Amino acid sequence: MKRVLIACGNGIATSTMVAMKVKEALKDKGIEVKVEQCKLLEVPAKGGDYDVVVTTGRYDNTTNLTTPIISGMAFLTGINKAAVVDEIVAALNK
């Protein structure tokens, strides 16, 4: 099973909403995933254990994490959500 890490400022509110939406969108595409949440500050330490990291805030990959990092703001705004879902699916299928 693929693993997706959702990161937001505090790892609670926004990441919970995005986690539910990502899981639902991927299920609609026939992809079952395990979704977990964390704080943005935890991404360097935890991100390498996941297939994709989706962030709801600005994240500069200064640690050279090799896991794909995708902006999840579309799950909050609704703008370009389908394109972001496709980006996540493509990253999971690599």
PDB file of N, CA and C in Angstrom:
ATOM      1  N   MET A   1       0.843  -1.180   0.000  1.00  0.00           N
ATOM      2  CA  MET A   1       0.000   0.000   0.000  1.00  0.00           C
ATOM      3  C   MET A   1       0.885   1.239   0.000  1.00  0.00           C
ATOM      4  N   LYS A   2       0.510   2.212  -0.809  1.00  0.00           N
ATOM      5  CA  LYS A   2       1.259   3.466  -0.893  1.00  0.00           C
ATOM      6  C   LYS A   2       0.995   4.300   0.354  1.00  0.00           C
ATOM      7  N   ARG A   3       1.986   5.132   0.691  1.00  0.00           N
ATOM      8  CA  ARG A   3       1.878   5.970   1.887  1.00  0.00           C
ATOM      9  C   ARG A   3       2.026   7.437   1.499  1.00  0.00           C
ATOM     10  N   VAL A   4       1.121   8.275   2.012  1.00  0.00           N
ATOM     11  CA  VAL A   4       1.131   9.705   1.728  1.00  0.00           C
ATOM     12  C   VAL A   4       1.206  10.455   3.054  1.00  0.00           C
ATOM     13  N   LEU A   5       2.117  11.406   3.127  1.00  0.00           N
ATOM     14  CA  LEU A   5       2.255  12.248   4.319  1.00  0.00           C
ATOM     15  C   LEU A   5       1.690  13.624   3.988  1.00  0.00           C
ATOM     16  N   ILE A   6       0.769  14.097   4.826  1.00  0.00           N
ATOM     17  CA  ILE A   6       0.175  15.421   4.658  1.00  0.00           C
ATOM     18  C   ILE A   6       0.749  16.314   5.748  1.00  0.00           C
ATOM     19  N   ALA A   7       1.332  17.448   5.344  1.00  0.00           N
ATOM     20  CA  ALA A   7       1.970  18.338   6.320  1.00  0.00           C
ATOM     21  C   ALA A   7       1.367  19.734   6.271  1.00  0.00           C
ATOM     22  N   CYS A   8       1.097  20.269   7.453  1.00  0.00           N
ATOM     23  CA  CYS A   8       0.652  21.665   7.570  1.00  0.00           C
ATOM     24  C   CYS A   8       1.391  22.298   8.744  1.00  0.00           C
ATOM     25  N   GLY A   9       1.103  23.536   9.019  1.00  0.00           N
ATOM     26  CA  GLY A   9       1.814  24.274  10.051  1.00  0.00           C
ATOM     27  C   GLY A   9       1.903  23.556  11.385  1.00  0.00           C
ATOM     28  N   ASN A  10       0.771  23.120  11.905  1.00  0.00           N
ATOM     29  CA  ASN A  10       0.761  22.461  13.210  1.00  0.00           C
ATOM     30  C   ASN A  10       0.436  20.974  13.144  1.00  0.00           C
ATOM     31  N   GLY A  11       0.155  20.459  11.963  1.00  0.00           N
ATOM     32  CA  GLY A  11      -0.128  19.034  11.818  1.00  0.00           C
ATOM     33  C   GLY A  11      -1.484  18.610  12.330  1.00  0.00           C
ATOM     34  N   ILE A  12      -2.413  19.567  12.443  1.00  0.00           N
ATOM     35  CA  ILE A  12      -3.719  19.219  13.010  1.00  0.00           C
ATOM     36  C   ILE A  12      -4.865  19.591  12.064  1.00  0.00           C
ATOM     37  N   ALA A  13      -5.259  20.838  12.030  1.00  0.00           N
ATOM     38  CA  ALA A  13      -6.495  21.252  11.373  1.00  0.00           C
ATOM     39  C   ALA A  13      -6.461  21.133   9.851  1.00  0.00           C
ATOM     40  N   THR A  14      -5.603  21.902   9.222  1.00  0.00           N
ATOM     41  CA  THR A  14      -5.567  21.922   7.764  1.00  0.00           C
ATOM     42  C   THR A  14      -5.158  20.567   7.211  1.00  0.00           C
ATOM     43  N   SER A  15      -4.202  19.933   7.827  1.00  0.00           N
ATOM     44  CA  SER A  15      -3.759  18.634   7.319  1.00  0.00           C
ATOM     45  C   SER A  15      -4.847  17.576   7.452  1.00  0.00           C
ATOM     46  N   THR A  16      -5.704  17.695   8.453  1.00  0.00           N
ATOM     47  CA  THR A  16      -6.813  16.756   8.611  1.00  0.00           C
ATOM     48  C   THR A  16      -7.778  16.880   7.447  1.00  0.00           C
ATOM     49  N   MET A  17      -8.117  18.106   7.087  1.00  0.00           N
ATOM     50  CA  MET A  17      -9.036  18.347   5.985  1.00  0.00           C
ATOM     51  C   MET A  17      -8.439  17.850   4.669  1.00  0.00           C
ATOM     52  N   VAL A  18      -7.192  18.191   4.428  1.00  0.00           N
ATOM     53  CA  VAL A  18      -6.537  17.788   3.184  1.00  0.00           C
ATOM     54  C   VAL A  18      -6.336  16.275   3.145  1.00  0.00           C
ATOM     55  N   ALA A  19      -6.014  15.678   4.263  1.00  0.00           N
ATOM     56  CA  ALA A  19      -5.830  14.228   4.318  1.00  0.00           C
ATOM     57  C   ALA A  19      -7.101  13.506   3.887  1.00  0.00           C
ATOM     58  N   MET A  20      -8.242  13.945   4.383  1.00  0.00           N
ATOM     59  CA  MET A  20      -9.511  13.322   4.007  1.00  0.00           C
ATOM     60  C   MET A  20      -9.777  13.494   2.518  1.00  0.00           C
ATOM     61  N   LYS A  21      -9.512  14.680   1.999  1.00  0.00           N
ATOM     62  CA  LYS A  21      -9.772  14.953   0.587  1.00  0.00           C
ATOM     63  C   LYS A  21      -8.822  14.188  -0.327  1.00  0.00           C
ATOM     64  N   VAL A  22      -7.565  14.077   0.062  1.00  0.00           N
ATOM     65  CA  VAL A  22      -6.593  13.315  -0.739  1.00  0.00           C
ATOM     66  C   VAL A  22      -6.986  11.843  -0.760  1.00  0.00           C
ATOM     67  N   LYS A  23      -7.298  11.298   0.398  1.00  0.00           N
ATOM     68  CA  LYS A  23      -7.671   9.889   0.481  1.00  0.00           C
ATOM     69  C   LYS A  23      -8.908   9.605  -0.375  1.00  0.00           C
ATOM     70  N   GLU A  24      -9.895  10.477  -0.302  1.00  0.00           N
ATOM     71  CA  GLU A  24     -11.122  10.311  -1.082  1.00  0.00           C
ATOM     72  C   GLU A  24     -10.842  10.428  -2.584  1.00  0.00           C
ATOM     73  N   ALA A  25     -10.044  11.425  -2.979  1.00  0.00           N
ATOM     74  CA  ALA A  25      -9.727  11.618  -4.400  1.00  0.00           C
ATOM     75  C   ALA A  25      -8.966  10.428  -4.967  1.00  0.00           C
ATOM     76  N   LEU A  26      -8.037   9.883  -4.189  1.00  0.00           N
ATOM     77  CA  LEU A  26      -7.273   8.728  -4.660  1.00  0.00           C
ATOM     78  C   LEU A  26      -8.139   7.472  -4.689  1.00  0.00           C
ATOM     79  N   LYS A  27      -9.047   7.343  -3.740  1.00  0.00           N
ATOM     80  CA  LYS A  27      -9.964   6.205  -3.745  1.00  0.00           C
ATOM     81  C   LYS A  27     -10.829   6.238  -5.002  1.00  0.00           C
ATOM     82  N   ASP A  28     -11.269   7.443  -5.401  1.00  0.00           N
ATOM     83  CA  ASP A  28     -12.051   7.595  -6.624  1.00  0.00           C
ATOM     84  C   ASP A  28     -11.258   7.168  -7.856  1.00  0.00           C
ATOM     85  N   LYS A  29      -9.937   7.230  -7.769  1.00  0.00           N
ATOM     86  CA  LYS A  29      -9.053   6.814  -8.868  1.00  0.00           C
ATOM     87  C   LYS A  29      -8.658   5.339  -8.737  1.00  0.00           C
ATOM     88  N   GLY A  30      -9.187   4.662  -7.710  1.00  0.00           N
ATOM     89  CA  GLY A  30      -8.888   3.252  -7.509  1.00  0.00           C
ATOM     90  C   GLY A  30      -7.582   2.983  -6.790  1.00  0.00           C
ATOM     91  N   ILE A  31      -7.073   3.989  -6.080  1.00  0.00           N
ATOM     92  CA  ILE A  31      -5.807   3.854  -5.376  1.00  0.00           C
ATOM     93  C   ILE A  31      -6.059   3.936  -3.869  1.00  0.00           C
ATOM     94  N   GLU A  32      -5.757   2.856  -3.179  1.00  0.00           N
ATOM     95  CA  GLU A  32      -5.875   2.842  -1.722  1.00  0.00           C
ATOM     96  C   GLU A  32      -4.540   3.298  -1.132  1.00  0.00           C
ATOM     97  N   VAL A  33      -4.591   4.248  -0.223  1.00  0.00           N
ATOM     98  CA  VAL A  33      -3.375   4.766   0.388  1.00  0.00           C
ATOM     99  C   VAL A  33      -3.537   4.859   1.891  1.00  0.00           C
ATOM    100  N   LYS A  34      -2.408   4.824   2.559  1.00  0.00           N
ATOM    101  CA  LYS A  34      -2.366   5.110   3.994  1.00  0.00           C
ATOM    102  C   LYS A  34      -1.919   6.557   4.104  1.00  0.00           C
ATOM    103  N   VAL A  35      -2.732   7.373   4.753  1.00  0.00           N
ATOM    104  CA  VAL A  35      -2.452   8.799   4.872  1.00  0.00           C
ATOM    105  C   VAL A  35      -2.169   9.131   6.329  1.00  0.00           C
ATOM    106  N   GLU A  36      -1.069   9.847   6.554  1.00  0.00           N
ATOM    107  CA  GLU A  36      -0.728  10.301   7.898  1.00  0.00           C
ATOM    108  C   GLU A  36      -0.424  11.792   7.848  1.00  0.00           C
ATOM    109  N   GLN A  37      -0.436  12.418   8.991  1.00  0.00           N
ATOM    110  CA  GLN A  37      -0.249  13.867   9.082  1.00  0.00           C
ATOM    111  C   GLN A  37       0.941  14.223   9.961  1.00  0.00           C
ATOM    112  N   CYS A  38       1.489  15.421   9.699  1.00  0.00           N
ATOM    113  CA  CYS A  38       2.580  15.928  10.532  1.00  0.00           C
ATOM    114  C   CYS A  38       2.674  17.437  10.374  1.00  0.00           C
ATOM    115  N   LYS A  39       3.563  18.024  11.161  1.00  0.00           N
ATOM    116  CA  LYS A  39       3.889  19.448  11.035  1.00  0.00           C
ATOM    117  C   LYS A  39       4.875  19.626   9.883  1.00  0.00           C
ATOM    118  N   LEU A  40       4.858  20.792   9.257  1.00  0.00           N
ATOM    119  CA  LEU A  40       5.820  21.070   8.184  1.00  0.00           C
ATOM    120  C   LEU A  40       7.250  20.872   8.675  1.00  0.00           C
ATOM    121  N   LEU A  41       7.522  21.247   9.918  1.00  0.00           N
ATOM    122  CA  LEU A  41       8.875  21.110  10.459  1.00  0.00           C
ATOM    123  C   LEU A  41       9.324  19.657  10.574  1.00  0.00           C
ATOM    124  N   GLU A  42       8.387  18.720  10.554  1.00  0.00           N
ATOM    125  CA  GLU A  42       8.722  17.303  10.677  1.00  0.00           C
ATOM    126  C   GLU A  42       8.994  16.631   9.327  1.00  0.00           C
ATOM    127  N   VAL A  43       8.715  17.327   8.223  1.00  0.00           N
ATOM    128  CA  VAL A  43       8.883  16.729   6.895  1.00  0.00           C
ATOM    129  C   VAL A  43      10.302  16.217   6.646  1.00  0.00           C
ATOM    130  N   PRO A  44      11.355  16.969   6.980  1.00  0.00           N
ATOM    131  CA  PRO A  44      12.700  16.437   6.719  1.00  0.00           C
ATOM    132  C   PRO A  44      12.973  15.104   7.419  1.00  0.00           C
ATOM    133  N   ALA A  45      12.458  14.928   8.614  1.00  0.00           N
ATOM    134  CA  ALA A  45      12.706  13.704   9.373  1.00  0.00           C
ATOM    135  C   ALA A  45      11.788  12.558   8.954  1.00  0.00           C
ATOM    136  N   LYS A  46      10.544  12.859   8.589  1.00  0.00           N
ATOM    137  CA  LYS A  46       9.564  11.821   8.299  1.00  0.00           C
ATOM    138  C   LYS A  46       9.344  11.569   6.814  1.00  0.00           C
ATOM    139  N   GLY A  47       9.546  12.567   5.986  1.00  0.00           N
ATOM    140  CA  GLY A  47       9.181  12.498   4.573  1.00  0.00           C
ATOM    141  C   GLY A  47       9.779  11.355   3.788  1.00  0.00           C
ATOM    142  N   GLY A  48      10.983  10.942   4.130  1.00  0.00           N
ATOM    143  CA  GLY A  48      11.651   9.873   3.412  1.00  0.00           C
ATOM    144  C   GLY A  48      10.991   8.515   3.556  1.00  0.00           C
ATOM    145  N   ASP A  49      10.103   8.375   4.524  1.00  0.00           N
ATOM    146  CA  ASP A  49       9.414   7.106   4.762  1.00  0.00           C
ATOM    147  C   ASP A  49       8.116   6.979   3.962  1.00  0.00           C
ATOM    148  N   TYR A  50       7.814   7.973   3.128  1.00  0.00           N
ATOM    149  CA  TYR A  50       6.550   8.008   2.391  1.00  0.00           C
ATOM    150  C   TYR A  50       6.795   8.045   0.891  1.00  0.00           C
ATOM    151  N   ASP A  51       5.757   7.705   0.137  1.00  0.00           N
ATOM    152  CA  ASP A  51       5.843   7.726  -1.321  1.00  0.00           C
ATOM    153  C   ASP A  51       5.642   9.138  -1.870  1.00  0.00           C
ATOM    154  N   VAL A  52       4.843   9.951  -1.175  1.00  0.00           N
ATOM    155  CA  VAL A  52       4.568  11.336  -1.573  1.00  0.00           C
ATOM    156  C   VAL A  52       4.324  12.147  -0.313  1.00  0.00           C
ATOM    157  N   VAL A  53       4.771  13.404  -0.343  1.00  0.00           N
ATOM    158  CA  VAL A  53       4.458  14.358   0.724  1.00  0.00           C
ATOM    159  C   VAL A  53       3.610  15.461   0.104  1.00  0.00           C
ATOM    160  N   VAL A  54       2.469  15.754   0.723  1.00  0.00           N
ATOM    161  CA  VAL A  54       1.590  16.833   0.276  1.00  0.00           C
ATOM    162  C   VAL A  54       1.600  17.888   1.367  1.00  0.00           C
ATOM    163  N   THR A  55       1.927  19.120   0.995  1.00  0.00           N
ATOM    164  CA  THR A  55       2.004  20.197   1.989  1.00  0.00           C
ATOM    165  C   THR A  55       0.896  21.212   1.769  1.00  0.00           C
ATOM    166  N   THR A  56       0.442  21.817   2.860  1.00  0.00           N
ATOM    167  CA  THR A  56      -0.576  22.861   2.750  1.00  0.00           C
ATOM    168  C   THR A  56       0.022  24.238   2.965  1.00  0.00           C
ATOM    169  N   GLY A  57       1.286  24.273   3.232  1.00  0.00           N
ATOM    170  CA  GLY A  57       1.990  25.541   3.407  1.00  0.00           C
ATOM    171  C   GLY A  57       3.225  25.559   2.536  1.00  0.00           C
ATOM    172  N   ARG A  58       3.890  26.680   2.521  1.00  0.00           N
ATOM    173  CA  ARG A  58       5.108  26.799   1.727  1.00  0.00           C
ATOM    174  C   ARG A  58       6.197  25.913   2.330  1.00  0.00           C
ATOM    175  N   TYR A  59       6.790  25.093   1.480  1.00  0.00           N
ATOM    176  CA  TYR A  59       7.862  24.218   1.944  1.00  0.00           C
ATOM    177  C   TYR A  59       9.000  24.265   0.943  1.00  0.00           C
ATOM    178  N   ASP A  60      10.148  24.713   1.397  1.00  0.00           N
ATOM    179  CA  ASP A  60      11.348  24.732   0.561  1.00  0.00           C
ATOM    180  C   ASP A  60      12.170  23.513   0.916  1.00  0.00           C
ATOM    181  N   ASN A  61      12.410  22.660  -0.065  1.00  0.00           N
ATOM    182  CA  ASN A  61      13.107  21.401   0.179  1.00  0.00           C
ATOM    183  C   ASN A  61      14.612  21.641   0.278  1.00  0.00           C
ATOM    184  N   THR A  62      15.028  22.273   1.345  1.00  0.00           N
ATOM    185  CA  THR A  62      16.447  22.564   1.537  1.00  0.00           C
ATOM    186  C   THR A  62      17.225  21.353   2.047  1.00  0.00           C
ATOM    187  N   THR A  63      16.514  20.288   2.416  1.00  0.00           N
ATOM    188  CA  THR A  63      17.188  19.085   2.914  1.00  0.00           C
ATOM    189  C   THR A  63      17.416  18.066   1.801  1.00  0.00           C
ATOM    190  N   ASN A  64      17.022  18.412   0.584  1.00  0.00           N
ATOM    191  CA  ASN A  64      17.170  17.522  -0.571  1.00  0.00           C
ATOM    192  C   ASN A  64      16.467  16.189  -0.376  1.00  0.00           C
ATOM    193  N   LEU A  65      15.310  16.221   0.209  1.00  0.00           N
ATOM    194  CA  LEU A  65      14.477  15.035   0.375  1.00  0.00           C
ATOM    195  C   LEU A  65      14.131  14.496  -1.014  1.00  0.00           C
ATOM    196  N   THR A  66      14.290  13.199  -1.232  1.00  0.00           N
ATOM    197  CA  THR A  66      14.032  12.634  -2.563  1.00  0.00           C
ATOM    198  C   THR A  66      12.569  12.277  -2.787  1.00  0.00           C
ATOM    199  N   THR A  67      11.779  12.229  -1.738  1.00  0.00           N
ATOM    200  CA  THR A  67      10.348  11.969  -1.867  1.00  0.00           C
ATOM    201  C   THR A  67       9.695  13.151  -2.574  1.00  0.00           C
ATOM    202  N   PRO A  68       8.822  12.891  -3.566  1.00  0.00           N
ATOM    203  CA  PRO A  68       8.133  14.010  -4.232  1.00  0.00           C
ATOM    204  C   PRO A  68       7.327  14.836  -3.233  1.00  0.00           C
ATOM    205  N   ILE A  69       7.447  16.155  -3.336  1.00  0.00           N
ATOM    206  CA  ILE A  69       6.704  17.069  -2.466  1.00  0.00           C
ATOM    207  C   ILE A  69       5.758  17.875  -3.354  1.00  0.00           C
ATOM    208  N   ILE A  70       4.463  17.786  -3.055  1.00  0.00           N
ATOM    209  CA  ILE A  70       3.434  18.398  -3.880  1.00  0.00           C
ATOM    210  C   ILE A  70       2.625  19.362  -3.030  1.00  0.00           C
ATOM    211  N   SER A  71       2.357  20.541  -3.573  1.00  0.00           N
ATOM    212  CA  SER A  71       1.530  21.517  -2.869  1.00  0.00           C
ATOM    213  C   SER A  71       0.077  21.059  -2.867  1.00  0.00           C
ATOM    214  N   GLY A  72      -0.524  21.040  -1.697  1.00  0.00           N
ATOM    215  CA  GLY A  72      -1.911  20.615  -1.559  1.00  0.00           C
ATOM    216  C   GLY A  72      -2.890  21.753  -1.393  1.00  0.00           C
ATOM    217  N   MET A  73      -2.476  22.973  -1.696  1.00  0.00           N
ATOM    218  CA  MET A  73      -3.365  24.127  -1.544  1.00  0.00           C
ATOM    219  C   MET A  73      -4.643  23.982  -2.368  1.00  0.00           C
ATOM    220  N   ALA A  74      -4.577  23.274  -3.474  1.00  0.00           N
ATOM    221  CA  ALA A  74      -5.760  23.081  -4.326  1.00  0.00           C
ATOM    222  C   ALA A  74      -6.885  22.360  -3.579  1.00  0.00           C
ATOM    223  N   PHE A  75      -6.533  21.552  -2.585  1.00  0.00           N
ATOM    224  CA  PHE A  75      -7.557  20.857  -1.806  1.00  0.00           C
ATOM    225  C   PHE A  75      -8.278  21.817  -0.863  1.00  0.00           C
ATOM    226  N   LEU A  76      -7.683  22.962  -0.603  1.00  0.00           N
ATOM    227  CA  LEU A  76      -8.316  23.975   0.242  1.00  0.00           C
ATOM    228  C   LEU A  76      -9.090  24.988  -0.586  1.00  0.00           C
ATOM    229  N   THR A  77      -8.542  25.341  -1.755  1.00  0.00           N
ATOM    230  CA  THR A  77      -9.166  26.370  -2.595  1.00  0.00           C
ATOM    231  C   THR A  77     -10.096  25.804  -3.654  1.00  0.00           C
ATOM    232  N   GLY A  78      -9.859  24.564  -4.059  1.00  0.00           N
ATOM    233  CA  GLY A  78     -10.635  23.970  -5.138  1.00  0.00           C
ATOM    234  C   GLY A  78     -10.089  24.299  -6.517  1.00  0.00           C
ATOM    235  N   ILE A  79      -9.124  25.208  -6.583  1.00  0.00           N
ATOM    236  CA  ILE A  79      -8.545  25.636  -7.853  1.00  0.00           C
ATOM    237  C   ILE A  79      -7.491  24.621  -8.300  1.00  0.00           C
ATOM    238  N   ASN A  80      -7.666  24.067  -9.502  1.00  0.00           N
ATOM    239  CA  ASN A  80      -6.738  23.088 -10.083  1.00  0.00           C
ATOM    240  C   ASN A  80      -6.630  21.798  -9.277  1.00  0.00           C
ATOM    241  N   LYS A  81      -7.670  21.455  -8.546  1.00  0.00           N
ATOM    242  CA  LYS A  81      -7.635  20.247  -7.712  1.00  0.00           C
ATOM    243  C   LYS A  81      -7.398  18.998  -8.561  1.00  0.00           C
ATOM    244  N   ALA A  82      -8.074  18.892  -9.694  1.00  0.00           N
ATOM    245  CA  ALA A  82      -7.927  17.704 -10.549  1.00  0.00           C
ATOM    246  C   ALA A  82      -6.486  17.548 -11.019  1.00  0.00           C
ATOM    247  N   ALA A  83      -5.839  18.659 -11.347  1.00  0.00           N
ATOM    248  CA  ALA A  83      -4.440  18.602 -11.799  1.00  0.00           C
ATOM    249  C   ALA A  83      -3.524  18.135 -10.679  1.00  0.00           C
ATOM    250  N   VAL A  84      -3.791  18.571  -9.451  1.00  0.00           N
ATOM    251  CA  VAL A  84      -2.967  18.157  -8.312  1.00  0.00           C
ATOM    252  C   VAL A  84      -3.194  16.680  -8.006  1.00  0.00           C
ATOM    253  N   VAL A  85      -4.430  16.230  -8.106  1.00  0.00           N
ATOM    254  CA  VAL A  85      -4.707  14.807  -7.910  1.00  0.00           C
ATOM    255  C   VAL A  85      -3.935  13.994  -8.946  1.00  0.00           C
ATOM    256  N   ASP A  86      -3.947  14.442 -10.199  1.00  0.00           N
ATOM    257  CA  ASP A  86      -3.196  13.747 -11.252  1.00  0.00           C
ATOM    258  C   ASP A  86      -1.697  13.742 -10.957  1.00  0.00           C
ATOM    259  N   GLU A  87      -1.195  14.844 -10.395  1.00  0.00           N
ATOM    260  CA  GLU A  87       0.226  14.921 -10.042  1.00  0.00           C
ATOM    261  C   GLU A  87       0.570  13.923  -8.936  1.00  0.00           C
ATOM    262  N   ILE A  88      -0.315  13.799  -7.965  1.00  0.00           N
ATOM    263  CA  ILE A  88      -0.105  12.837  -6.875  1.00  0.00           C
ATOM    264  C   ILE A  88      -0.150  11.413  -7.426  1.00  0.00           C
ATOM    265  N   VAL A  89      -1.127  11.123  -8.281  1.00  0.00           N
ATOM    266  CA  VAL A  89      -1.243   9.786  -8.875  1.00  0.00           C
ATOM    267  C   VAL A  89       0.025   9.450  -9.664  1.00  0.00           C
ATOM    268  N   ALA A  90       0.500  10.405 -10.451  1.00  0.00           N
ATOM    269  CA  ALA A  90       1.721  10.165 -11.246  1.00  0.00           C
ATOM    270  C   ALA A  90       2.914   9.881 -10.335  1.00  0.00           C
ATOM    271  N   ALA A  91       3.040  10.633  -9.248  1.00  0.00           N
ATOM    272  CA  ALA A  91       4.155  10.425  -8.309  1.00  0.00           C
ATOM    273  C   ALA A  91       4.037   9.052  -7.640  1.00  0.00           C
ATOM    274  N   LEU A  92       2.824   8.628  -7.310  1.00  0.00           N
ATOM    275  CA  LEU A  92       2.628   7.329  -6.675  1.00  0.00           C
ATOM    276  C   LEU A  92       2.918   6.175  -7.634  1.00  0.00           C
ATOM    277  N   ASN A  93       2.723   6.409  -8.920  1.00  0.00           N
ATOM    278  CA  ASN A  93       2.929   5.350  -9.912  1.00  0.00           C
ATOM    279  C   ASN A  93       4.353   5.237 -10.399  1.00  0.00           C
ATOM    280  N   LYS A  94       5.245   6.104  -9.945  1.00  0.00           N
ATOM    281  CA  LYS A  94       6.647   6.039 -10.368  1.00  0.00           C
ATOM    282  C   LYS A  94       7.352   4.875  -9.734  1.00  0.00           C
TER     283      LYS A  94
END
